[in-house]
Every structure is written in structure tokens, then in C-alpha cells.
Amino acid sequence: MNKLIGKIDQIMTAVIQEQDVDLTIKALGKIGVPITRLASAGGFLGRRNSTLFIGINEQIREEVVLALQNSCHQRVEYLAIPLEGSPMPMPTPIPVTVGGATVFTLPVDKYEEF
């Protein structure tokens, strides 16, 4: 069901972990917003992500943010880092919080679909 009322006047860009992408697309599909998905990778950990471009307007912005919050979760993963100066190269697991969503919302001056 398309809840998008009026024209698209904002583009929301959401970078999410690959584990959350299917649930997120289903949640956004229920709202009826147009979505474009691009595969991407994180710079720090090199993990697989997806970048979603979501066409919205101010009337449904909060509903889209709520859908993202409910479907994108943070997780703790352990990254093996070798100890400096250690006589044996035994990596020490360091907890790192990953996941959730990074969201940017930008105004759209012109939108065309053909």
C-alpha cells in the first residue's frame, strides 16, 4: 500500500548492515516508498553493507525513520587484533559495536521518473 502522499521532496540515504537489509526492505515496502539498493562496504571493518536511497516527503519521514529503527540492529562482534610486543602472535579479541543504520536526509529540488 502506497502511503506516499504528494511528491517526493527528500531523499533519505541509509547505510545498513547486510544482515538487516531484507527485513528493512520489507518494512519500507509496507509503507510504499520507492527504494533503490546499492551494495557497499564499510571502510573501517570492510563489512558488507547496503546503501538504500529512499524517496520520501515530510509527511512520512517519521514513519520511515521508525521502520529503519525497528529493522536495523546494532551487534557486538569481536575483532582479532595481535598484541604488540607479544612473544607469540596470539590475537586478542576486541569487542566492536557494529550495525544499526546511518541515515542522511537531503532535499530534492527535482524528481523525474520514466
C-alpha atoms as a PDB file:
ATOM      1  CA  MET A   1       0.000   0.000   0.000  1.00  0.00           C
ATOM      2  CA  ASN A   2       1.481   3.317  -1.064  1.00  0.00           C
ATOM      3  CA  LYS A   3       1.317   5.870   1.751  1.00  0.00           C
ATOM      4  CA  LEU A   4       3.457   8.403  -0.096  1.00  0.00           C
ATOM      5  CA  ILE A   5       1.193  11.438  -0.314  1.00  0.00           C
ATOM      6  CA  GLY A   6       2.220  14.213  -2.675  1.00  0.00           C
ATOM      7  CA  LYS A   7       5.536  14.496  -4.378  1.00  0.00           C
ATOM      8  CA  ILE A   8       8.965  13.296  -3.306  1.00  0.00           C
ATOM      9  CA  ASP A   9      10.804  16.247  -1.817  1.00  0.00           C
ATOM     10  CA  GLN A  10      13.527  14.466   0.179  1.00  0.00           C
ATOM     11  CA  ILE A  11      15.941  11.617  -0.424  1.00  0.00           C
ATOM     12  CA  MET A  12      16.890   9.540   2.586  1.00  0.00           C
ATOM     13  CA  THR A  13      20.151   7.631   2.287  1.00  0.00           C
ATOM     14  CA  ALA A  14      20.502   4.773   4.791  1.00  0.00           C
ATOM     15  CA  VAL A  15      23.650   2.667   5.147  1.00  0.00           C
ATOM     16  CA  ILE A  16      22.773  -0.604   6.866  1.00  0.00           C
ATOM     17  CA  GLN A  17      24.389  -3.975   7.517  1.00  0.00           C
ATOM     18  CA  GLU A  18      23.703  -6.740   5.021  1.00  0.00           C
ATOM     19  CA  GLN A  19      22.065  -8.851   7.771  1.00  0.00           C
ATOM     20  CA  ASP A  20      19.310  -6.227   8.170  1.00  0.00           C
ATOM     21  CA  VAL A  21      18.594  -5.411   4.526  1.00  0.00           C
ATOM     22  CA  ASP A  22      15.801  -7.922   3.803  1.00  0.00           C
ATOM     23  CA  LEU A  23      13.811  -7.005   6.913  1.00  0.00           C
ATOM     24  CA  THR A  24      14.334  -3.302   6.208  1.00  0.00           C
ATOM     25  CA  ILE A  25      13.183  -3.522   2.592  1.00  0.00           C
ATOM     26  CA  LYS A  26      10.060  -5.438   3.686  1.00  0.00           C
ATOM     27  CA  ALA A  27       9.272  -2.791   6.325  1.00  0.00           C
ATOM     28  CA  LEU A  28       9.769   0.058   3.853  1.00  0.00           C
ATOM     29  CA  GLY A  29       7.757  -1.820   1.215  1.00  0.00           C
ATOM     30  CA  LYS A  30       4.750  -1.792   3.561  1.00  0.00           C
ATOM     31  CA  ILE A  31       4.973   1.999   3.656  1.00  0.00           C
ATOM     32  CA  GLY A  32       5.147   2.110  -0.135  1.00  0.00           C
ATOM     33  CA  VAL A  33       8.172   4.325  -0.601  1.00  0.00           C
ATOM     34  CA  PRO A  34      10.430   3.953  -3.654  1.00  0.00           C
ATOM     35  CA  ILE A  35      13.771   2.314  -2.772  1.00  0.00           C
ATOM     36  CA  THR A  36      16.998   1.829  -4.693  1.00  0.00           C
ATOM     37  CA  ARG A  37      19.538  -0.575  -3.159  1.00  0.00           C
ATOM     38  CA  LEU A  38      23.286  -0.450  -3.763  1.00  0.00           C
ATOM     39  CA  ALA A  39      25.830  -2.897  -2.378  1.00  0.00           C
ATOM     40  CA  SER A  40      28.541  -1.160  -0.352  1.00  0.00           C
ATOM     41  CA  ALA A  41      31.314  -1.955   2.109  1.00  0.00           C
ATOM     42  CA  GLY A  42      32.326  -0.332   5.359  1.00  0.00           C
ATOM     43  CA  GLY A  43      35.670   1.444   5.437  1.00  0.00           C
ATOM     44  CA  PHE A  44      36.775   0.577   8.982  1.00  0.00           C
ATOM     45  CA  LEU A  45      35.907  -3.123   9.195  1.00  0.00           C
ATOM     46  CA  GLY A  46      35.332  -3.807   5.499  1.00  0.00           C
ATOM     47  CA  ARG A  47      31.991  -5.460   6.254  1.00  0.00           C
ATOM     48  CA  ARG A  48      29.280  -5.811   3.592  1.00  0.00           C
ATOM     49  CA  ASN A  49      26.577  -3.175   3.765  1.00  0.00           C
ATOM     50  CA  SER A  50      23.729  -1.943   1.647  1.00  0.00           C
ATOM     51  CA  THR A  51      23.048   1.688   0.889  1.00  0.00           C
ATOM     52  CA  LEU A  52      19.368   2.429   0.385  1.00  0.00           C
ATOM     53  CA  PHE A  53      18.120   5.529  -1.427  1.00  0.00           C
ATOM     54  CA  ILE A  54      14.569   6.164  -0.232  1.00  0.00           C
ATOM     55  CA  GLY A  55      12.272   8.753  -1.786  1.00  0.00           C
ATOM     56  CA  ILE A  56      10.116  10.463   0.860  1.00  0.00           C
ATOM     57  CA  ASN A  57       8.267  13.614   1.759  1.00  0.00           C
ATOM     58  CA  GLU A  58       7.893  15.313   5.122  1.00  0.00           C
ATOM     59  CA  GLN A  59       4.531  13.645   5.818  1.00  0.00           C
ATOM     60  CA  ILE A  60       6.003  10.132   6.026  1.00  0.00           C
ATOM     61  CA  ARG A  61       9.517  10.946   7.237  1.00  0.00           C
ATOM     62  CA  GLU A  62       8.942   9.837  10.849  1.00  0.00           C
ATOM     63  CA  GLU A  63       7.269   6.596   9.741  1.00  0.00           C
ATOM     64  CA  VAL A  64      10.284   5.741   7.552  1.00  0.00           C
ATOM     65  CA  VAL A  65      12.728   6.557  10.382  1.00  0.00           C
ATOM     66  CA  LEU A  66      10.715   4.351  12.746  1.00  0.00           C
ATOM     67  CA  ALA A  67      10.792   1.473  10.216  1.00  0.00           C
ATOM     68  CA  LEU A  68      14.581   1.841   9.959  1.00  0.00           C
ATOM     69  CA  GLN A  69      14.980   1.921  13.749  1.00  0.00           C
ATOM     70  CA  ASN A  70      12.872  -1.226  14.152  1.00  0.00           C
ATOM     71  CA  SER A  71      14.655  -3.244  11.477  1.00  0.00           C
ATOM     72  CA  CYS A  72      18.328  -2.187  11.791  1.00  0.00           C
ATOM     73  CA  HIS A  73      20.032  -3.524  14.903  1.00  0.00           C
ATOM     74  CA  GLN A  74      23.424  -2.985  16.482  1.00  0.00           C
ATOM     75  CA  ARG A  75      25.517  -6.040  17.318  1.00  0.00           C
ATOM     76  CA  VAL A  76      28.755  -6.710  19.137  1.00  0.00           C
ATOM     77  CA  GLU A  77      31.356  -8.542  17.060  1.00  0.00           C
ATOM     78  CA  TYR A  78      34.860  -9.474  18.079  1.00  0.00           C
ATOM     79  CA  LEU A  79      37.810  -8.316  16.045  1.00  0.00           C
ATOM     80  CA  ALA A  80      41.098 -10.227  16.478  1.00  0.00           C
ATOM     81  CA  ILE A  81      43.984  -7.780  16.934  1.00  0.00           C
ATOM     82  CA  PRO A  82      47.523  -9.072  17.583  1.00  0.00           C
ATOM     83  CA  LEU A  83      49.149  -7.763  20.769  1.00  0.00           C
ATOM     84  CA  GLU A  84      52.189  -5.592  20.164  1.00  0.00           C
ATOM     85  CA  GLY A  85      55.361  -6.849  21.773  1.00  0.00           C
ATOM     86  CA  SER A  86      53.908 -10.269  22.474  1.00  0.00           C
ATOM     87  CA  PRO A  87      56.393 -13.162  22.048  1.00  0.00           C
ATOM     88  CA  MET A  88      53.626 -15.247  20.436  1.00  0.00           C
ATOM     89  CA  PRO A  89      51.363 -13.817  17.737  1.00  0.00           C
ATOM     90  CA  MET A  90      48.191 -14.553  19.698  1.00  0.00           C
ATOM     91  CA  PRO A  91      45.395 -12.235  18.601  1.00  0.00           C
ATOM     92  CA  THR A  92      43.312 -10.644  21.336  1.00  0.00           C
ATOM     93  CA  PRO A  93      39.578 -10.425  20.625  1.00  0.00           C
ATOM     94  CA  ILE A  94      38.354  -6.829  20.954  1.00  0.00           C
ATOM     95  CA  PRO A  95      34.591  -6.164  21.112  1.00  0.00           C
ATOM     96  CA  VAL A  96      33.356  -3.755  18.416  1.00  0.00           C
ATOM     97  CA  THR A  97      29.779  -2.491  18.115  1.00  0.00           C
ATOM     98  CA  VAL A  98      28.568  -2.681  14.507  1.00  0.00           C
ATOM     99  CA  GLY A  99      25.275  -2.290  12.768  1.00  0.00           C
ATOM    100  CA  GLY A 100      22.321  -0.049  13.180  1.00  0.00           C
ATOM    101  CA  ALA A 101      21.804   2.495  10.437  1.00  0.00           C
ATOM    102  CA  THR A 102      23.500   5.675   9.339  1.00  0.00           C
ATOM    103  CA  VAL A 103      20.869   7.928   7.781  1.00  0.00           C
ATOM    104  CA  PHE A 104      21.201  11.149   5.801  1.00  0.00           C
ATOM    105  CA  THR A 105      18.186  13.126   4.599  1.00  0.00           C
ATOM    106  CA  LEU A 106      18.663  15.645   1.806  1.00  0.00           C
ATOM    107  CA  PRO A 107      16.226  17.947  -0.001  1.00  0.00           C
ATOM    108  CA  VAL A 108      15.255  17.128  -3.601  1.00  0.00           C
ATOM    109  CA  ASP A 109      14.776  20.048  -5.979  1.00  0.00           C
ATOM    110  CA  LYS A 110      13.607  17.957  -8.906  1.00  0.00           C
ATOM    111  CA  TYR A 111      12.402  14.375  -9.241  1.00  0.00           C
ATOM    112  CA  GLU A 112      11.690  12.593 -12.521  1.00  0.00           C
ATOM    113  CA  GLU A 113      10.549   9.044 -13.101  1.00  0.00           C
ATOM    114  CA  PHE A 114      10.316   7.472 -16.545  1.00  0.00           C
END
